PDB file of N, CA and C in Angstrom:
ATOM      1  N   UNK A   1       8.985 -14.718 -19.238  1.00  0.00           N
ATOM      2  CA  UNK A   1       7.689 -15.769 -18.921  1.00  0.00           C
ATOM      3  C   UNK A   1       6.906 -15.527 -20.906  1.00  0.00           C
ATOM      4  N   UNK A   2       6.753 -17.068 -20.955  1.00  0.00           N
ATOM      5  CA  UNK A   2       6.182 -17.586 -21.845  1.00  0.00           C
ATOM      6  C   UNK A   2       4.780 -16.598 -21.822  1.00  0.00           C
ATOM      7  N   UNK A   3       4.278 -16.373 -23.375  1.00  0.00           N
ATOM      8  CA  UNK A   3       2.459 -15.994 -23.131  1.00  0.00           C
ATOM      9  C   UNK A   3       2.149 -17.604 -22.827  1.00  0.00           C
ATOM     10  N   UNK A   4       0.783 -16.902 -22.509  1.00  0.00           N
ATOM     11  CA  UNK A   4      -0.141 -18.092 -22.078  1.00  0.00           C
ATOM     12  C   UNK A   4      -0.931 -18.463 -23.398  1.00  0.00           C
ATOM     13  N   UNK A   5      -1.602 -19.671 -22.788  1.00  0.00           N
ATOM     14  CA  UNK A   5      -1.844 -20.817 -24.048  1.00  0.00           C
ATOM     15  C   UNK A   5      -3.181 -19.656 -23.477  1.00  0.00           C
ATOM     16  N   UNK A   6      -4.786 -20.295 -24.171  1.00  0.00           N
ATOM     17  CA  UNK A   6      -6.003 -19.590 -24.064  1.00  0.00           C
ATOM     18  C   UNK A   6      -7.111 -20.404 -22.721  1.00  0.00           C
ATOM     19  N   UNK A   7      -5.613 -21.619 -22.348  1.00  0.00           N
ATOM     20  CA  UNK A   7      -6.083 -22.375 -20.456  1.00  0.00           C
ATOM     21  C   UNK A   7      -5.623 -20.562 -19.819  1.00  0.00           C
ATOM     22  N   UNK A   8      -6.787 -21.241 -18.895  1.00  0.00           N
ATOM     23  CA  UNK A   8      -6.776 -20.175 -17.952  1.00  0.00           C
ATOM     24  C   UNK A   8      -5.799 -20.659 -16.396  1.00  0.00           C
ATOM     25  N   UNK A   9      -4.640 -20.136 -16.220  1.00  0.00           N
ATOM     26  CA  UNK A   9      -3.990 -20.551 -15.319  1.00  0.00           C
ATOM     27  C   UNK A   9      -4.605 -20.414 -13.730  1.00  0.00           C
ATOM     28  N   UNK A  10      -4.118 -21.464 -13.089  1.00  0.00           N
ATOM     29  CA  UNK A  10      -4.570 -20.205 -11.241  1.00  0.00           C
ATOM     30  C   UNK A  10      -3.491 -20.533 -11.050  1.00  0.00           C
ATOM     31  N   UNK A  11      -2.689 -19.594 -10.193  1.00  0.00           N
ATOM     32  CA  UNK A  11      -1.342 -19.250  -9.445  1.00  0.00           C
ATOM     33  C   UNK A  11      -1.285 -18.750  -8.086  1.00  0.00           C
ATOM     34  N   UNK A  12      -0.551 -19.342  -6.944  1.00  0.00           N
ATOM     35  CA  UNK A  12      -0.521 -18.724  -5.862  1.00  0.00           C
ATOM     36  C   UNK A  12       0.390 -17.881  -5.436  1.00  0.00           C
ATOM     37  N   UNK A  13       0.454 -16.271  -5.119  1.00  0.00           N
ATOM     38  CA  UNK A  13       1.338 -15.685  -5.173  1.00  0.00           C
ATOM     39  C   UNK A  13       1.715 -15.209  -3.557  1.00  0.00           C
ATOM     40  N   UNK A  14       2.618 -15.844  -3.645  1.00  0.00           N
ATOM     41  CA  UNK A  14       3.795 -15.402  -2.410  1.00  0.00           C
ATOM     42  C   UNK A  14       4.338 -14.015  -1.743  1.00  0.00           C
ATOM     43  N   UNK A  15       4.477 -14.304  -0.396  1.00  0.00           N
ATOM     44  CA  UNK A  15       4.729 -12.559  -0.083  1.00  0.00           C
ATOM     45  C   UNK A  15       5.668 -11.608  -1.137  1.00  0.00           C
ATOM     46  N   UNK A  16       6.838 -12.745  -1.264  1.00  0.00           N
ATOM     47  CA  UNK A  16       7.387 -12.547  -1.919  1.00  0.00           C
ATOM     48  C   UNK A  16       7.879 -12.016  -3.850  1.00  0.00           C
ATOM     49  N   UNK A  17       6.490 -12.526  -4.409  1.00  0.00           N
ATOM     50  CA  UNK A  17       6.421 -11.724  -5.705  1.00  0.00           C
ATOM     51  C   UNK A  17       5.521 -10.771  -5.244  1.00  0.00           C
ATOM     52  N   UNK A  18       4.869 -10.316  -4.192  1.00  0.00           N
ATOM     53  CA  UNK A  18       3.936  -9.116  -3.890  1.00  0.00           C
ATOM     54  C   UNK A  18       5.073  -8.032  -3.271  1.00  0.00           C
ATOM     55  N   UNK A  19       5.531  -8.492  -2.824  1.00  0.00           N
ATOM     56  CA  UNK A  19       7.223  -7.294  -2.525  1.00  0.00           C
ATOM     57  C   UNK A  19       7.770  -6.873  -3.889  1.00  0.00           C
ATOM     58  N   UNK A  20       8.099  -7.820  -4.477  1.00  0.00           N
ATOM     59  CA  UNK A  20       8.546  -7.518  -6.235  1.00  0.00           C
ATOM     60  C   UNK A  20       7.702  -6.589  -6.976  1.00  0.00           C
ATOM     61  N   UNK A  21       6.976  -6.981  -6.784  1.00  0.00           N
ATOM     62  CA  UNK A  21       5.685  -5.704  -7.344  1.00  0.00           C
ATOM     63  C   UNK A  21       5.488  -4.532  -6.922  1.00  0.00           C
ATOM     64  N   UNK A  22       5.922  -4.152  -5.669  1.00  0.00           N
ATOM     65  CA  UNK A  22       5.448  -3.296  -4.645  1.00  0.00           C
ATOM     66  C   UNK A  22       6.752  -2.466  -4.585  1.00  0.00           C
ATOM     67  N   UNK A  23       7.515  -3.424  -4.690  1.00  0.00           N
ATOM     68  CA  UNK A  23       8.893  -2.610  -4.675  1.00  0.00           C
ATOM     69  C   UNK A  23       9.671  -2.738  -5.646  1.00  0.00           C
ATOM     70  N   UNK A  24       9.985  -1.065  -6.541  1.00  0.00           N
ATOM     71  CA  UNK A  24      10.609  -1.659  -7.899  1.00  0.00           C
ATOM     72  C   UNK A  24      12.436  -1.428  -7.601  1.00  0.00           C
ATOM     73  N   UNK A  25      12.637  -1.655  -6.645  1.00  0.00           N
ATOM     74  CA  UNK A  25      14.028  -1.904  -6.461  1.00  0.00           C
ATOM     75  C   UNK A  25      14.372  -2.932  -6.220  1.00  0.00           C
ATOM     76  N   UNK A  26      13.713  -4.011  -6.323  1.00  0.00           N
ATOM     77  CA  UNK A  26      13.720  -5.437  -5.783  1.00  0.00           C
ATOM     78  C   UNK A  26      13.783  -6.428  -7.470  1.00  0.00           C
ATOM     79  N   UNK A  27      14.848  -7.034  -7.317  1.00  0.00           N
ATOM     80  CA  UNK A  27      15.168  -8.057  -8.087  1.00  0.00           C
ATOM     81  C   UNK A  27      13.747  -8.616  -9.710  1.00  0.00           C
ATOM     82  N   UNK A  28      12.908  -8.927  -8.255  1.00  0.00           N
ATOM     83  CA  UNK A  28      11.842  -9.552  -9.878  1.00  0.00           C
ATOM     84  C   UNK A  28      10.822  -8.361  -9.977  1.00  0.00           C
ATOM     85  N   UNK A  29      10.731  -7.091  -9.871  1.00  0.00           N
ATOM     86  CA  UNK A  29      10.357  -6.523 -10.547  1.00  0.00           C
ATOM     87  C   UNK A  29       9.198  -6.262 -11.203  1.00  0.00           C
ATOM     88  N   UNK A  30      10.165  -6.959 -12.580  1.00  0.00           N
ATOM     89  CA  UNK A  30       9.628  -7.175 -13.940  1.00  0.00           C
ATOM     90  C   UNK A  30       8.335  -7.968 -13.971  1.00  0.00           C
ATOM     91  N   UNK A  31       8.862  -9.496 -13.482  1.00  0.00           N
ATOM     92  CA  UNK A  31       8.510 -10.343 -13.411  1.00  0.00           C
ATOM     93  C   UNK A  31       6.612 -10.329 -12.319  1.00  0.00           C
ATOM     94  N   UNK A  32       7.193  -9.536 -11.626  1.00  0.00           N
ATOM     95  CA  UNK A  32       6.404  -9.671 -10.238  1.00  0.00           C
ATOM     96  C   UNK A  32       4.964  -8.641 -11.619  1.00  0.00           C
ATOM     97  N   UNK A  33       5.474  -7.418 -12.332  1.00  0.00           N
ATOM     98  CA  UNK A  33       4.611  -7.083 -12.715  1.00  0.00           C
ATOM     99  C   UNK A  33       3.391  -7.366 -13.901  1.00  0.00           C
ATOM    100  N   UNK A  34       4.418  -8.187 -14.199  1.00  0.00           N
ATOM    101  CA  UNK A  34       4.240  -8.619 -15.653  1.00  0.00           C
ATOM    102  C   UNK A  34       2.630 -10.269 -14.998  1.00  0.00           C
ATOM    103  N   UNK A  35       3.202 -10.775 -13.225  1.00  0.00           N
ATOM    104  CA  UNK A  35       1.987 -11.535 -13.147  1.00  0.00           C
ATOM    105  C   UNK A  35       0.774 -10.718 -13.185  1.00  0.00           C
ATOM    106  N   UNK A  36       0.996  -9.661 -12.292  1.00  0.00           N
ATOM    107  CA  UNK A  36       0.332  -8.373 -11.667  1.00  0.00           C
ATOM    108  C   UNK A  36      -0.844  -8.450 -13.021  1.00  0.00           C
ATOM    109  N   UNK A  37      -0.031  -8.331 -14.106  1.00  0.00           N
ATOM    110  CA  UNK A  37      -0.955  -7.411 -15.162  1.00  0.00           C
ATOM    111  C   UNK A  37      -2.243  -9.073 -15.961  1.00  0.00           C
ATOM    112  N   UNK A  38      -1.461  -9.642 -15.816  1.00  0.00           N
ATOM    113  CA  UNK A  38      -2.293 -10.432 -16.124  1.00  0.00           C
ATOM    114  C   UNK A  38      -3.420 -11.586 -15.574  1.00  0.00           C
ATOM    115  N   UNK A  39      -3.113 -11.007 -13.604  1.00  0.00           N
ATOM    116  CA  UNK A  39      -3.975 -11.408 -12.648  1.00  0.00           C
ATOM    117  C   UNK A  39      -5.000 -10.322 -12.930  1.00  0.00           C
ATOM    118  N   UNK A  40      -4.731  -8.885 -12.960  1.00  0.00           N
ATOM    119  CA  UNK A  40      -5.727  -7.814 -13.435  1.00  0.00           C
ATOM    120  C   UNK A  40      -6.895  -8.139 -13.972  1.00  0.00           C
ATOM    121  N   UNK A  41      -5.924  -8.941 -15.506  1.00  0.00           N
ATOM    122  CA  UNK A  41      -7.039  -9.012 -16.634  1.00  0.00           C
ATOM    123  C   UNK A  41      -7.368 -10.300 -17.373  1.00  0.00           C
ATOM    124  N   UNK A  42      -7.727 -10.900 -16.074  1.00  0.00           N
ATOM    125  CA  UNK A  42      -7.822 -12.029 -16.102  1.00  0.00           C
ATOM    126  C   UNK A  42      -7.260 -12.977 -16.691  1.00  0.00           C
ATOM    127  N   UNK A  43      -6.488 -13.796 -16.706  1.00  0.00           N
ATOM    128  CA  UNK A  43      -6.008 -14.281 -17.352  1.00  0.00           C
ATOM    129  C   UNK A  43      -5.076 -15.078 -17.327  1.00  0.00           C
ATOM    130  N   UNK A  44      -4.967 -14.990 -15.552  1.00  0.00           N
ATOM    131  CA  UNK A  44      -4.824 -15.718 -14.553  1.00  0.00           C
ATOM    132  C   UNK A  44      -5.671 -15.942 -13.041  1.00  0.00           C
ATOM    133  N   UNK A  45      -6.152 -16.820 -12.463  1.00  0.00           N
ATOM    134  CA  UNK A  45      -6.632 -16.543 -11.412  1.00  0.00           C
ATOM    135  C   UNK A  45      -5.655 -17.184 -10.514  1.00  0.00           C
ATOM    136  N   UNK A  46      -5.605 -15.807  -9.218  1.00  0.00           N
ATOM    137  CA  UNK A  46      -4.287 -15.862  -8.338  1.00  0.00           C
ATOM    138  C   UNK A  46      -5.156 -16.106  -7.061  1.00  0.00           C
ATOM    139  N   UNK A  47      -4.085 -15.697  -6.537  1.00  0.00           N
ATOM    140  CA  UNK A  47      -4.357 -16.776  -4.832  1.00  0.00           C
ATOM    141  C   UNK A  47      -3.518 -16.530  -4.237  1.00  0.00           C
ATOM    142  N   UNK A  48      -3.899 -15.677  -2.974  1.00  0.00           N
ATOM    143  CA  UNK A  48      -3.015 -15.742  -2.128  1.00  0.00           C
ATOM    144  C   UNK A  48      -3.914 -16.211  -0.675  1.00  0.00           C
ATOM    145  N   UNK A  49      -2.430 -15.920   0.310  1.00  0.00           N
ATOM    146  CA  UNK A  49      -3.047 -16.288   1.685  1.00  0.00           C
ATOM    147  C   UNK A  49      -3.710 -14.865   2.724  1.00  0.00           C
ATOM    148  N   UNK A  50      -4.395 -15.146   3.696  1.00  0.00           N
ATOM    149  CA  UNK A  50      -4.357 -13.300   4.648  1.00  0.00           C
ATOM    150  C   UNK A  50      -3.400 -13.544   5.394  1.00  0.00           C
ATOM    151  N   UNK A  51      -2.940 -14.111   5.982  1.00  0.00           N
ATOM    152  CA  UNK A  51      -1.824 -13.719   6.413  1.00  0.00           C
ATOM    153  C   UNK A  51      -0.299 -13.307   5.723  1.00  0.00           C
ATOM    154  N   UNK A  52      -0.439 -12.869   4.388  1.00  0.00           N
ATOM    155  CA  UNK A  52       0.663 -12.497   3.277  1.00  0.00           C
ATOM    156  C   UNK A  52      -0.156 -11.131   3.205  1.00  0.00           C
ATOM    157  N   UNK A  53      -1.070 -10.972   3.463  1.00  0.00           N
ATOM    158  CA  UNK A  53      -1.268  -9.550   3.482  1.00  0.00           C
ATOM    159  C   UNK A  53      -1.448  -8.684   4.737  1.00  0.00           C
ATOM    160  N   UNK A  54      -1.601  -9.646   5.823  1.00  0.00           N
ATOM    161  CA  UNK A  54      -0.724  -8.832   7.100  1.00  0.00           C
ATOM    162  C   UNK A  54       0.478  -8.686   7.230  1.00  0.00           C
ATOM    163  N   UNK A  55       1.053  -9.723   6.963  1.00  0.00           N
ATOM    164  CA  UNK A  55       2.510  -9.216   6.909  1.00  0.00           C
ATOM    165  C   UNK A  55       3.311  -8.187   5.963  1.00  0.00           C
ATOM    166  N   UNK A  56       2.392  -7.809   4.950  1.00  0.00           N
ATOM    167  CA  UNK A  56       3.282  -6.740   3.931  1.00  0.00           C
ATOM    168  C   UNK A  56       2.417  -5.286   4.483  1.00  0.00           C
ATOM    169  N   UNK A  57       1.617  -5.525   4.940  1.00  0.00           N
ATOM    170  CA  UNK A  57       0.929  -4.337   5.744  1.00  0.00           C
ATOM    171  C   UNK A  57       1.830  -4.057   6.669  1.00  0.00           C
ATOM    172  N   UNK A  58       2.536  -4.805   7.302  1.00  0.00           N
ATOM    173  CA  UNK A  58       3.357  -4.310   9.039  1.00  0.00           C
ATOM    174  C   UNK A  58       4.509  -4.182   8.209  1.00  0.00           C
ATOM    175  N   UNK A  59       5.397  -4.945   6.755  1.00  0.00           N
ATOM    176  CA  UNK A  59       6.607  -4.705   6.101  1.00  0.00           C
ATOM    177  C   UNK A  59       6.629  -3.660   5.952  1.00  0.00           C
ATOM    178  N   UNK A  60       5.866  -3.105   5.075  1.00  0.00           N
ATOM    179  CA  UNK A  60       5.511  -1.213   4.434  1.00  0.00           C
ATOM    180  C   UNK A  60       5.301  -0.475   5.811  1.00  0.00           C
ATOM    181  N   UNK A  61       5.248  -0.470   6.722  1.00  0.00           N
ATOM    182  CA  UNK A  61       4.934   0.415   7.449  1.00  0.00           C
ATOM    183  C   UNK A  61       5.861   1.880   7.756  1.00  0.00           C
ATOM    184  N   UNK A  62       7.379   1.423   6.793  1.00  0.00           N
ATOM    185  CA  UNK A  62       8.487   2.334   6.900  1.00  0.00           C
ATOM    186  C   UNK A  62       8.139   3.399   5.609  1.00  0.00           C
ATOM    187  N   UNK A  63       7.553   2.574   4.850  1.00  0.00           N
ATOM    188  CA  UNK A  63       7.745   3.319   3.562  1.00  0.00           C
ATOM    189  C   UNK A  63       6.596   3.541   2.639  1.00  0.00           C
ATOM    190  N   UNK A  64       5.356   3.561   3.725  1.00  0.00           N
ATOM    191  CA  UNK A  64       4.130   3.926   2.884  1.00  0.00           C
ATOM    192  C   UNK A  64       3.075   4.091   4.039  1.00  0.00           C
ATOM    193  N   UNK A  65       2.506   4.890   3.983  1.00  0.00           N
ATOM    194  CA  UNK A  65       1.472   5.897   4.582  1.00  0.00           C
ATOM    195  C   UNK A  65       0.733   4.122   5.055  1.00  0.00           C
ATOM    196  N   UNK A  66       0.127   4.523   6.610  1.00  0.00           N
ATOM    197  CA  UNK A  66      -1.133   3.867   6.810  1.00  0.00           C
ATOM    198  C   UNK A  66      -2.028   3.528   6.110  1.00  0.00           C
ATOM    199  N   UNK A  67      -3.110   4.919   4.831  1.00  0.00           N
ATOM    200  CA  UNK A  67      -3.549   4.439   4.317  1.00  0.00           C
ATOM    201  C   UNK A  67      -3.795   4.318   3.019  1.00  0.00           C
ATOM    202  N   UNK A  68      -1.473   4.130   2.371  1.00  0.00           N
ATOM    203  CA  UNK A  68      -1.565   3.876   1.376  1.00  0.00           C
ATOM    204  C   UNK A  68      -1.080   2.525   1.341  1.00  0.00           C
ATOM    205  N   UNK A  69      -1.147   1.708   2.443  1.00  0.00           N
ATOM    206  CA  UNK A  69      -1.031   0.899   2.507  1.00  0.00           C
ATOM    207  C   UNK A  69      -2.068  -0.330   3.001  1.00  0.00           C
ATOM    208  N   UNK A  70      -3.772   0.669   3.479  1.00  0.00           N
ATOM    209  CA  UNK A  70      -4.775   0.039   3.513  1.00  0.00           C
ATOM    210  C   UNK A  70      -5.418  -0.002   1.545  1.00  0.00           C
ATOM    211  N   UNK A  71      -4.943   0.897   1.141  1.00  0.00           N
ATOM    212  CA  UNK A  71      -5.409   0.965  -0.286  1.00  0.00           C
ATOM    213  C   UNK A  71      -4.419  -0.327  -0.779  1.00  0.00           C
ATOM    214  N   UNK A  72      -4.041  -0.694  -0.664  1.00  0.00           N
ATOM    215  CA  UNK A  72      -3.212  -1.886  -1.686  1.00  0.00           C
ATOM    216  C   UNK A  72      -3.404  -2.855  -1.350  1.00  0.00           C
ATOM    217  N   UNK A  73      -4.231  -3.580   0.335  1.00  0.00           N
ATOM    218  CA  UNK A  73      -4.548  -4.472   0.584  1.00  0.00           C
ATOM    219  C   UNK A  73      -6.018  -4.388   0.099  1.00  0.00           C
ATOM    220  N   UNK A  74      -6.881  -3.196  -0.014  1.00  0.00           N
ATOM    221  CA  UNK A  74      -8.190  -3.121  -0.640  1.00  0.00           C
ATOM    222  C   UNK A  74      -7.474  -4.147  -2.135  1.00  0.00           C
ATOM    223  N   UNK A  75      -6.479  -3.581  -2.732  1.00  0.00           N
ATOM    224  CA  UNK A  75      -6.637  -2.943  -4.283  1.00  0.00           C
ATOM    225  C   UNK A  75      -6.789  -4.308  -4.448  1.00  0.00           C
ATOM    226  N   UNK A  76      -5.745  -5.758  -3.584  1.00  0.00           N
ATOM    227  CA  UNK A  76      -4.919  -6.353  -3.905  1.00  0.00           C
ATOM    228  C   UNK A  76      -6.395  -7.921  -3.245  1.00  0.00           C
ATOM    229  N   UNK A  77      -7.055  -7.373  -2.283  1.00  0.00           N
ATOM    230  CA  UNK A  77      -8.434  -8.142  -1.686  1.00  0.00           C
ATOM    231  C   UNK A  77      -9.643  -8.005  -3.410  1.00  0.00           C
ATOM    232  N   UNK A  78      -9.435  -6.926  -3.873  1.00  0.00           N
ATOM    233  CA  UNK A  78      -9.899  -7.256  -5.520  1.00  0.00           C
ATOM    234  C   UNK A  78      -9.936  -7.904  -6.486  1.00  0.00           C
ATOM    235  N   UNK A  79      -8.552  -8.078  -6.300  1.00  0.00           N
ATOM    236  CA  UNK A  79      -7.963  -9.076  -8.037  1.00  0.00           C
ATOM    237  C   UNK A  79      -7.753 -10.166  -6.935  1.00  0.00           C
ATOM    238  N   UNK A  80      -7.089 -10.819  -6.033  1.00  0.00           N
ATOM    239  CA  UNK A  80      -6.441 -12.320  -5.207  1.00  0.00           C
ATOM    240  C   UNK A  80      -8.283 -13.037  -5.104  1.00  0.00           C
ATOM    241  N   UNK A  81      -7.614 -14.223  -5.400  1.00  0.00           N
ATOM    242  CA  UNK A  81      -8.175 -14.932  -4.543  1.00  0.00           C
ATOM    243  C   UNK A  81      -7.933 -15.308  -2.662  1.00  0.00           C
ATOM    244  N   UNK A  82      -8.905 -15.430  -1.740  1.00  0.00           N
ATOM    245  CA  UNK A  82      -8.109 -15.832  -0.172  1.00  0.00           C
ATOM    246  C   UNK A  82      -8.289 -17.081  -0.361  1.00  0.00           C
TER     247      UNK A  82
END
């Protein structure tokens, strides 16, 4: 991924990017991890949809506890704009 110039970019993160970030075995994990780092550092203004968060909560039900899934969603709500 190219380094970003001084401009701040707005990006929409769909469920695939977020699942790539959350599930290390997925092929796009390293790229998704970099996108998340840029989002946390406020170098990207990141958006996602409410339905994406609901779907992530559901999809991860066999891999994470309910408490873990709630923490993930809460953290995403701190980082992303809806």
